Amino acid sequence: LSVLTVGTTSSGAVDNITEVVEVAREYPNMWIHIDAAYAGTALALPELRESSHLAAINAHADSFSTNAHKWGLIQLECSPLHVRDRGALTRALTVTPEFLRTKHGDAVDVLDLRNMQLSLGRRFRSLKLWFVLRSFGVKGLQDHLRHSIACAKLFENAMRDDENPFEFVAPPRWALVVFRLNPSCIKGQSSELDDLNRRFMDRLNARSAELMLTQTVLPEIGVCIRYVVGQPRLREHHVIKAFKIVKECAEETPHAHQ
């Protein structure tokens, strides 16, 4: 099993799927799964498909999953799963005790959805996805995604001011901006910088009625902050206010040399 990622939740990182699948050709029995938990929805945008290796995914992936509740206008929880060979999944998961056998279920041309999961039953999560697609349509969903990306870009541009004590710890991608407070321009990870950003996050959490951000920890980077856009009603003035709050919290965070 090889699990490749398109858009990690922490930082939006993307594996080079095109290169990995070339290596995987040497192992014909290897199952290639694409974890697109955060960014899978963005594949609805033609301009993002090449950078997300969609051609390689379509050609080589055995399965693909995404969290529609992250960026797809759906509340928790909704995670579509696509499997190239449905039989491979059902053969591994089918459990049919006698009390579950039916004439229709035994028919080879009938799909019993319980055989595509670990549990025998679950909520009808796909209905809310159907309603969103019917309500917004492809264009409406694309407009939502592009609006989110534009708002994140506005936040990124505000943060790029040389006078701001912030550092981008990952390339801003899609509607996600990952940064940390780094007034001394320290490279890499340090306990001092981690402590500073934990205090910074405490300040941000104190303003959670106005702005909700989340923290993460990246290898060789340390503690950092995630700004992610997903709300369709977000407007430019909300983004500007968000950056204003972030900057105020940074100014209120005591530094080690103070």
C-alpha atoms as a PDB file:
ATOM      1  CA  LEU A   1       0.000   0.000   0.000  1.00  0.00           C
ATOM      2  CA  SER A   2       1.297   3.433  -0.968  1.00  0.00           C
ATOM      3  CA  VAL A   3      -0.588   6.463   0.363  1.00  0.00           C
ATOM      4  CA  LEU A   4       0.138   9.684  -1.513  1.00  0.00           C
ATOM      5  CA  THR A   5      -1.144  13.069  -0.473  1.00  0.00           C
ATOM      6  CA  VAL A   6      -2.697  15.945  -2.376  1.00  0.00           C
ATOM      7  CA  GLY A   7      -2.892  18.834   0.054  1.00  0.00           C
ATOM      8  CA  THR A   8      -2.079  17.865   3.621  1.00  0.00           C
ATOM      9  CA  THR A   9      -4.415  19.414   6.164  1.00  0.00           C
ATOM     10  CA  SER A  10      -1.496  20.911   8.091  1.00  0.00           C
ATOM     11  CA  SER A  11       0.293  22.737   5.300  1.00  0.00           C
ATOM     12  CA  GLY A  12      -1.175  21.896   1.901  1.00  0.00           C
ATOM     13  CA  ALA A  13       1.834  19.798   0.878  1.00  0.00           C
ATOM     14  CA  VAL A  14       1.549  17.714  -2.293  1.00  0.00           C
ATOM     15  CA  ASP A  15       3.448  14.527  -3.055  1.00  0.00           C
ATOM     16  CA  ASN A  16       4.957  14.299  -6.528  1.00  0.00           C
ATOM     17  CA  ILE A  17       2.490  11.662  -7.607  1.00  0.00           C
ATOM     18  CA  THR A  18       3.681  11.663 -11.213  1.00  0.00           C
ATOM     19  CA  GLU A  19       7.179  10.556 -10.141  1.00  0.00           C
ATOM     20  CA  VAL A  20       6.042   8.108  -7.467  1.00  0.00           C
ATOM     21  CA  VAL A  21       3.706   6.186  -9.765  1.00  0.00           C
ATOM     22  CA  GLU A  22       6.606   5.659 -12.176  1.00  0.00           C
ATOM     23  CA  VAL A  23       8.479   3.873  -9.390  1.00  0.00           C
ATOM     24  CA  ALA A  24       5.325   2.000  -8.379  1.00  0.00           C
ATOM     25  CA  ARG A  25       5.143   0.428 -11.841  1.00  0.00           C
ATOM     26  CA  GLU A  26       7.885  -1.935 -10.658  1.00  0.00           C
ATOM     27  CA  TYR A  27       5.481  -3.287  -8.018  1.00  0.00           C
ATOM     28  CA  PRO A  28       2.311  -4.306  -9.895  1.00  0.00           C
ATOM     29  CA  ASN A  29       0.558  -5.503  -6.740  1.00  0.00           C
ATOM     30  CA  MET A  30       0.999  -2.206  -4.910  1.00  0.00           C
ATOM     31  CA  TRP A  31      -2.255  -0.415  -4.122  1.00  0.00           C
ATOM     32  CA  ILE A  32      -1.956   3.346  -4.657  1.00  0.00           C
ATOM     33  CA  HIS A  33      -4.300   5.444  -2.559  1.00  0.00           C
ATOM     34  CA  ILE A  34      -4.605   9.218  -2.925  1.00  0.00           C
ATOM     35  CA  ASP A  35      -5.383  11.075   0.296  1.00  0.00           C
ATOM     36  CA  ALA A  36      -6.800  14.406  -0.858  1.00  0.00           C
ATOM     37  CA  ALA A  37      -8.542  15.179   2.425  1.00  0.00           C
ATOM     38  CA  TYR A  38      -8.168  18.949   2.159  1.00  0.00           C
ATOM     39  CA  ALA A  39      -7.496  19.721  -1.506  1.00  0.00           C
ATOM     40  CA  GLY A  40      -9.528  17.094  -3.327  1.00  0.00           C
ATOM     41  CA  THR A  41     -12.394  19.529  -3.777  1.00  0.00           C
ATOM     42  CA  ALA A  42     -10.041  21.941  -5.565  1.00  0.00           C
ATOM     43  CA  LEU A  43      -9.767  19.497  -8.462  1.00  0.00           C
ATOM     44  CA  ALA A  44     -13.070  20.976  -9.603  1.00  0.00           C
ATOM     45  CA  LEU A  45     -10.957  23.904 -10.868  1.00  0.00           C
ATOM     46  CA  PRO A  46      -9.290  23.200 -14.244  1.00  0.00           C
ATOM     47  CA  GLU A  47      -6.424  25.587 -13.462  1.00  0.00           C
ATOM     48  CA  LEU A  48      -5.374  23.516 -10.420  1.00  0.00           C
ATOM     49  CA  ARG A  49      -5.494  20.045 -11.929  1.00  0.00           C
ATOM     50  CA  GLU A  50      -2.002  19.942 -13.396  1.00  0.00           C
ATOM     51  CA  SER A  51      -0.282  21.062 -10.173  1.00  0.00           C
ATOM     52  CA  SER A  52      -2.345  18.461  -8.312  1.00  0.00           C
ATOM     53  CA  HIS A  53      -1.200  15.662 -10.674  1.00  0.00           C
ATOM     54  CA  LEU A  54      -4.739  14.800 -11.772  1.00  0.00           C
ATOM     55  CA  ALA A  55      -3.589  13.043 -14.943  1.00  0.00           C
ATOM     56  CA  ALA A  56      -1.367  10.694 -12.919  1.00  0.00           C
ATOM     57  CA  ILE A  57      -4.156  10.130 -10.398  1.00  0.00           C
ATOM     58  CA  ASN A  58      -6.627   9.193 -13.130  1.00  0.00           C
ATOM     59  CA  ALA A  59      -4.112   6.903 -14.787  1.00  0.00           C
ATOM     60  CA  HIS A  60      -2.669   5.068 -11.787  1.00  0.00           C
ATOM     61  CA  ALA A  61      -4.563   5.558  -8.512  1.00  0.00           C
ATOM     62  CA  ASP A  62      -6.494   2.581  -7.149  1.00  0.00           C
ATOM     63  CA  SER A  63      -8.478   4.723  -4.721  1.00  0.00           C
ATOM     64  CA  PHE A  64      -9.063   8.385  -3.965  1.00  0.00           C
ATOM     65  CA  SER A  65     -10.665  10.080  -0.966  1.00  0.00           C
ATOM     66  CA  THR A  66     -11.415  13.648   0.037  1.00  0.00           C
ATOM     67  CA  ASN A  67     -13.229  15.438   2.860  1.00  0.00           C
ATOM     68  CA  ALA A  68     -16.078  17.363   1.274  1.00  0.00           C
ATOM     69  CA  HIS A  69     -16.821  18.845   4.692  1.00  0.00           C
ATOM     70  CA  LYS A  70     -13.500  20.708   4.662  1.00  0.00           C
ATOM     71  CA  TRP A  71     -14.032  22.913   1.609  1.00  0.00           C
ATOM     72  CA  GLY A  72     -17.061  21.554  -0.201  1.00  0.00           C
ATOM     73  CA  LEU A  73     -19.839  23.560   1.493  1.00  0.00           C
ATOM     74  CA  ILE A  74     -20.906  20.562   3.571  1.00  0.00           C
ATOM     75  CA  GLN A  75     -20.991  20.211   7.330  1.00  0.00           C
ATOM     76  CA  LEU A  76     -19.351  17.321   9.160  1.00  0.00           C
ATOM     77  CA  GLU A  77     -19.056  14.647   8.083  1.00  0.00           C
ATOM     78  CA  CYS A  78     -18.791  13.733   4.392  1.00  0.00           C
ATOM     79  CA  SER A  79     -15.796  11.937   2.869  1.00  0.00           C
ATOM     80  CA  PRO A  80     -16.347  10.534  -0.639  1.00  0.00           C
ATOM     81  CA  LEU A  81     -14.233   7.520  -1.611  1.00  0.00           C
ATOM     82  CA  HIS A  82     -13.617   6.444  -5.196  1.00  0.00           C
ATOM     83  CA  VAL A  83     -12.278   2.958  -5.887  1.00  0.00           C
ATOM     84  CA  ARG A  84     -11.132   1.903  -9.344  1.00  0.00           C
ATOM     85  CA  ASP A  85     -11.815  -1.800  -8.746  1.00  0.00           C
ATOM     86  CA  ARG A  86     -14.898  -1.987  -6.562  1.00  0.00           C
ATOM     87  CA  GLY A  87     -14.589  -5.740  -6.337  1.00  0.00           C
ATOM     88  CA  ALA A  88     -11.210  -5.492  -4.608  1.00  0.00           C
ATOM     89  CA  LEU A  89     -12.849  -3.469  -1.842  1.00  0.00           C
ATOM     90  CA  THR A  90     -15.961  -5.605  -1.414  1.00  0.00           C
ATOM     91  CA  ARG A  91     -13.996  -8.868  -1.438  1.00  0.00           C
ATOM     92  CA  ALA A  92     -11.954  -7.591   1.495  1.00  0.00           C
ATOM     93  CA  LEU A  93     -14.884  -6.237   3.506  1.00  0.00           C
ATOM     94  CA  THR A  94     -17.840  -8.501   2.740  1.00  0.00           C
ATOM     95  CA  VAL A  95     -19.253 -10.180   5.827  1.00  0.00           C
ATOM     96  CA  THR A  96     -22.579 -11.927   5.270  1.00  0.00           C
ATOM     97  CA  PRO A  97     -23.930 -13.927   8.200  1.00  0.00           C
ATOM     98  CA  GLU A  98     -27.043 -15.962   7.457  1.00  0.00           C
ATOM     99  CA  PHE A  99     -29.401 -13.417   9.010  1.00  0.00           C
ATOM    100  CA  LEU A 100     -28.260 -10.804   6.475  1.00  0.00           C
ATOM    101  CA  ARG A 101     -28.692 -12.961   3.385  1.00  0.00           C
ATOM    102  CA  THR A 102     -31.449 -12.053   0.943  1.00  0.00           C
ATOM    103  CA  LYS A 103     -32.380 -13.182  -2.545  1.00  0.00           C
ATOM    104  CA  HIS A 104     -31.515  -9.778  -3.951  1.00  0.00           C
ATOM    105  CA  GLY A 105     -28.348  -9.434  -1.914  1.00  0.00           C
ATOM    106  CA  ASP A 106     -27.050 -12.750  -3.239  1.00  0.00           C
ATOM    107  CA  ALA A 107     -27.523 -11.603  -6.832  1.00  0.00           C
ATOM    108  CA  VAL A 108     -24.201 -10.755  -8.451  1.00  0.00           C
ATOM    109  CA  ASP A 109     -25.626  -7.679 -10.165  1.00  0.00           C
ATOM    110  CA  VAL A 110     -26.804  -6.036  -6.927  1.00  0.00           C
ATOM    111  CA  LEU A 111     -24.524  -3.653  -5.011  1.00  0.00           C
ATOM    112  CA  ASP A 112     -24.875  -3.936  -1.250  1.00  0.00           C
ATOM    113  CA  LEU A 113     -23.258  -0.784   0.136  1.00  0.00           C
ATOM    114  CA  ARG A 114     -22.571  -2.354   3.520  1.00  0.00           C
ATOM    115  CA  ASN A 115     -19.893  -4.450   1.816  1.00  0.00           C
ATOM    116  CA  MET A 116     -17.913  -1.319   0.965  1.00  0.00           C
ATOM    117  CA  GLN A 117     -17.158  -0.370   4.574  1.00  0.00           C
ATOM    118  CA  LEU A 118     -16.290  -1.828   7.958  1.00  0.00           C
ATOM    119  CA  SER A 119     -19.644  -1.139   9.583  1.00  0.00           C
ATOM    120  CA  LEU A 120     -22.826  -2.850   8.398  1.00  0.00           C
ATOM    121  CA  GLY A 121     -24.752   0.412   8.340  1.00  0.00           C
ATOM    122  CA  ARG A 122     -24.146   4.109   8.407  1.00  0.00           C
ATOM    123  CA  ARG A 123     -25.852   7.472   7.991  1.00  0.00           C
ATOM    124  CA  PHE A 124     -26.953   8.618   4.536  1.00  0.00           C
ATOM    125  CA  ARG A 125     -24.085  11.097   4.200  1.00  0.00           C
ATOM    126  CA  SER A 126     -24.161  11.231   0.418  1.00  0.00           C
ATOM    127  CA  LEU A 127     -27.546  12.973   0.387  1.00  0.00           C
ATOM    128  CA  LYS A 128     -26.122  16.276   1.617  1.00  0.00           C
ATOM    129  CA  LEU A 129     -23.407  16.131  -1.052  1.00  0.00           C
ATOM    130  CA  TRP A 130     -26.102  15.568  -3.673  1.00  0.00           C
ATOM    131  CA  PHE A 131     -28.043  18.588  -2.395  1.00  0.00           C
ATOM    132  CA  VAL A 132     -24.959  20.834  -2.571  1.00  0.00           C
ATOM    133  CA  LEU A 133     -24.168  19.752  -6.127  1.00  0.00           C
ATOM    134  CA  ARG A 134     -27.788  20.255  -7.180  1.00  0.00           C
ATOM    135  CA  SER A 135     -28.020  23.638  -5.439  1.00  0.00           C
ATOM    136  CA  PHE A 136     -24.699  25.145  -6.505  1.00  0.00           C
ATOM    137  CA  GLY A 137     -23.858  23.208  -9.634  1.00  0.00           C
ATOM    138  CA  VAL A 138     -20.334  22.885 -10.981  1.00  0.00           C
ATOM    139  CA  LYS A 139     -20.017  26.606 -11.678  1.00  0.00           C
ATOM    140  CA  GLY A 140     -21.318  27.555  -8.237  1.00  0.00           C
ATOM    141  CA  LEU A 141     -18.820  25.237  -6.561  1.00  0.00           C
ATOM    142  CA  GLN A 142     -16.008  26.606  -8.722  1.00  0.00           C
ATOM    143  CA  ASP A 143     -17.002  30.181  -7.871  1.00  0.00           C
ATOM    144  CA  HIS A 144     -16.894  29.280  -4.174  1.00  0.00           C
ATOM    145  CA  LEU A 145     -13.425  27.752  -4.476  1.00  0.00           C
ATOM    146  CA  ARG A 146     -12.020  30.685  -6.444  1.00  0.00           C
ATOM    147  CA  HIS A 147     -13.513  33.132  -3.950  1.00  0.00           C
ATOM    148  CA  SER A 148     -11.829  31.296  -1.067  1.00  0.00           C
ATOM    149  CA  ILE A 149      -8.492  31.308  -2.885  1.00  0.00           C
ATOM    150  CA  ALA A 150      -8.786  35.038  -3.606  1.00  0.00           C
ATOM    151  CA  CYS A 151      -9.510  35.781   0.061  1.00  0.00           C
ATOM    152  CA  ALA A 152      -6.508  33.727   1.180  1.00  0.00           C
ATOM    153  CA  LYS A 153      -4.359  35.574  -1.360  1.00  0.00           C
ATOM    154  CA  LEU A 154      -5.511  38.893   0.085  1.00  0.00           C
ATOM    155  CA  PHE A 155      -4.466  37.736   3.565  1.00  0.00           C
ATOM    156  CA  GLU A 156      -1.129  36.509   2.196  1.00  0.00           C
ATOM    157  CA  ASN A 157      -0.419  39.826   0.466  1.00  0.00           C
ATOM    158  CA  ALA A 158      -1.150  41.753   3.659  1.00  0.00           C
ATOM    159  CA  MET A 159       1.278  39.523   5.531  1.00  0.00           C
ATOM    160  CA  ARG A 160       4.072  39.999   2.987  1.00  0.00           C
ATOM    161  CA  ASP A 161       4.662  43.553   4.207  1.00  0.00           C
ATOM    162  CA  ASP A 162       8.353  43.727   5.167  1.00  0.00           C
ATOM    163  CA  GLU A 163       7.461  45.439   8.428  1.00  0.00           C
ATOM    164  CA  ASN A 164       5.411  42.472   9.604  1.00  0.00           C
ATOM    165  CA  PRO A 165       7.216  40.007  11.910  1.00  0.00           C
ATOM    166  CA  PHE A 166       5.759  36.948  10.170  1.00  0.00           C
ATOM    167  CA  GLU A 167       7.287  34.111   8.199  1.00  0.00           C
ATOM    168  CA  PHE A 168       5.564  31.815   5.710  1.00  0.00           C
ATOM    169  CA  VAL A 169       6.617  28.307   6.683  1.00  0.00           C
ATOM    170  CA  ALA A 170       5.074  26.672   3.610  1.00  0.00           C
ATOM    171  CA  PRO A 171       4.173  28.030   0.187  1.00  0.00           C
ATOM    172  CA  PRO A 172       0.648  29.494   0.450  1.00  0.00           C
ATOM    173  CA  ARG A 173      -1.534  27.113  -1.526  1.00  0.00           C
ATOM    174  CA  TRP A 174      -5.230  27.030  -2.364  1.00  0.00           C
ATOM    175  CA  ALA A 175      -7.082  28.771   0.485  1.00  0.00           C
ATOM    176  CA  LEU A 176      -4.482  27.934   3.143  1.00  0.00           C
ATOM    177  CA  VAL A 177      -1.780  30.209   4.550  1.00  0.00           C
ATOM    178  CA  VAL A 178       0.607  28.706   7.115  1.00  0.00           C
ATOM    179  CA  PHE A 179       2.824  31.123   9.009  1.00  0.00           C
ATOM    180  CA  ARG A 180       4.526  31.797  12.301  1.00  0.00           C
ATOM    181  CA  LEU A 181       5.611  34.776  14.343  1.00  0.00           C
ATOM    182  CA  ASN A 182       9.350  35.168  13.795  1.00  0.00           C
ATOM    183  CA  PRO A 183      10.526  38.720  14.571  1.00  0.00           C
ATOM    184  CA  SER A 184      14.189  37.688  14.799  1.00  0.00           C
ATOM    185  CA  CYS A 185      14.136  35.813  11.455  1.00  0.00           C
ATOM    186  CA  ILE A 186      15.380  32.608  13.081  1.00  0.00           C
ATOM    187  CA  LYS A 187      15.917  29.791  10.574  1.00  0.00           C
ATOM    188  CA  GLY A 188      14.520  26.332  11.200  1.00  0.00           C
ATOM    189  CA  GLN A 189      13.142  25.122  14.505  1.00  0.00           C
ATOM    190  CA  SER A 190      14.016  26.409  17.956  1.00  0.00           C
ATOM    191  CA  SER A 191      12.438  25.965  21.375  1.00  0.00           C
ATOM    192  CA  GLU A 192      12.434  29.743  21.808  1.00  0.00           C
ATOM    193  CA  LEU A 193      10.463  30.228  18.608  1.00  0.00           C
ATOM    194  CA  ASP A 194       8.052  27.413  19.483  1.00  0.00           C
ATOM    195  CA  ASP A 195       7.364  28.980  22.879  1.00  0.00           C
ATOM    196  CA  LEU A 196       6.836  32.366  21.240  1.00  0.00           C
ATOM    197  CA  ASN A 197       4.273  30.966  18.809  1.00  0.00           C
ATOM    198  CA  ARG A 198       2.461  29.066  21.550  1.00  0.00           C
ATOM    199  CA  ARG A 199       2.060  32.357  23.393  1.00  0.00           C
ATOM    200  CA  PHE A 200       0.995  33.953  20.115  1.00  0.00           C
ATOM    201  CA  MET A 201      -1.630  31.229  19.662  1.00  0.00           C
ATOM    202  CA  ASP A 202      -2.895  31.840  23.191  1.00  0.00           C
ATOM    203  CA  ARG A 203      -3.452  35.485  22.248  1.00  0.00           C
ATOM    204  CA  LEU A 204      -5.288  34.457  19.094  1.00  0.00           C
ATOM    205  CA  ASN A 205      -7.467  32.013  21.027  1.00  0.00           C
ATOM    206  CA  ALA A 206      -8.425  34.830  23.376  1.00  0.00           C
ATOM    207  CA  ARG A 207      -9.941  36.553  20.317  1.00  0.00           C
ATOM    208  CA  SER A 208     -11.744  33.420  19.088  1.00  0.00           C
ATOM    209  CA  ALA A 209     -15.121  35.176  19.157  1.00  0.00           C
ATOM    210  CA  GLU A 210     -13.781  37.321  16.298  1.00  0.00           C
ATOM    211  CA  LEU A 211     -11.371  34.986  14.521  1.00  0.00           C
ATOM    212  CA  MET A 212     -10.747  31.253  14.716  1.00  0.00           C
ATOM    213  CA  LEU A 213      -7.325  29.987  13.664  1.00  0.00           C
ATOM    214  CA  THR A 214      -5.668  26.640  14.310  1.00  0.00           C
ATOM    215  CA  GLN A 215      -2.100  25.658  15.113  1.00  0.00           C
ATOM    216  CA  THR A 216       0.015  22.841  13.747  1.00  0.00           C
ATOM    217  CA  VAL A 217       3.567  21.512  14.085  1.00  0.00           C
ATOM    218  CA  LEU A 218       5.657  20.945  10.957  1.00  0.00           C
ATOM    219  CA  PRO A 219       8.858  18.846  10.819  1.00  0.00           C
ATOM    220  CA  GLU A 220      12.019  20.969  11.101  1.00  0.00           C
ATOM    221  CA  ILE A 221       9.825  24.057  11.472  1.00  0.00           C
ATOM    222  CA  GLY A 222       7.945  23.651  14.731  1.00  0.00           C
ATOM    223  CA  VAL A 223       4.821  25.415  15.937  1.00  0.00           C
ATOM    224  CA  CYS A 224       2.992  27.497  13.353  1.00  0.00           C
ATOM    225  CA  ILE A 225      -0.455  28.923  12.634  1.00  0.00           C
ATOM    226  CA  ARG A 226      -3.001  28.024   9.941  1.00  0.00           C
ATOM    227  CA  TYR A 227      -5.267  30.596   8.277  1.00  0.00           C
ATOM    228  CA  VAL A 228      -7.736  28.808   6.027  1.00  0.00           C
ATOM    229  CA  VAL A 229     -10.767  30.136   4.152  1.00  0.00           C
ATOM    230  CA  GLY A 230     -13.873  28.033   3.579  1.00  0.00           C
ATOM    231  CA  GLN A 231     -16.833  30.246   4.451  1.00  0.00           C
ATOM    232  CA  PRO A 232     -18.692  31.325   1.276  1.00  0.00           C
ATOM    233  CA  ARG A 233     -19.956  34.541   2.895  1.00  0.00           C
ATOM    234  CA  LEU A 234     -16.475  35.804   3.721  1.00  0.00           C
ATOM    235  CA  ARG A 235     -15.771  39.213   2.202  1.00  0.00           C
ATOM    236  CA  GLU A 236     -12.705  41.402   1.741  1.00  0.00           C
ATOM    237  CA  HIS A 237     -13.360  43.463   4.855  1.00  0.00           C
ATOM    238  CA  HIS A 238     -13.482  40.268   6.928  1.00  0.00           C
ATOM    239  CA  VAL A 239     -10.035  39.279   5.649  1.00  0.00           C
ATOM    240  CA  ILE A 240      -8.619  42.717   6.398  1.00  0.00           C
ATOM    241  CA  LYS A 241     -10.071  42.571   9.894  1.00  0.00           C
ATOM    242  CA  ALA A 242      -8.619  39.088  10.385  1.00  0.00           C
ATOM    243  CA  PHE A 243      -5.134  40.295   9.518  1.00  0.00           C
ATOM    244  CA  LYS A 244      -5.582  43.298  11.801  1.00  0.00           C
ATOM    245  CA  ILE A 245      -6.411  40.953  14.692  1.00  0.00           C
ATOM    246  CA  VAL A 246      -3.438  38.714  13.880  1.00  0.00           C
ATOM    247  CA  LYS A 247      -1.096  41.700  13.863  1.00  0.00           C
ATOM    248  CA  GLU A 248      -2.525  43.049  17.121  1.00  0.00           C
ATOM    249  CA  CYS A 249      -2.056  39.658  18.786  1.00  0.00           C
ATOM    250  CA  ALA A 250       1.522  39.516  17.506  1.00  0.00           C
ATOM    251  CA  GLU A 251       2.236  42.939  18.997  1.00  0.00           C
ATOM    252  CA  GLU A 252       0.718  41.844  22.316  1.00  0.00           C
ATOM    253  CA  THR A 253       2.779  38.648  22.489  1.00  0.00           C
ATOM    254  CA  PRO A 254       5.804  39.166  24.772  1.00  0.00           C
ATOM    255  CA  HIS A 255       9.107  38.264  23.108  1.00  0.00           C
ATOM    256  CA  ALA A 256      12.003  36.654  24.952  1.00  0.00           C
ATOM    257  CA  HIS A 257      14.121  39.806  24.757  1.00  0.00           C
ATOM    258  CA  GLN A 258      11.416  42.018  26.212  1.00  0.00           C
END
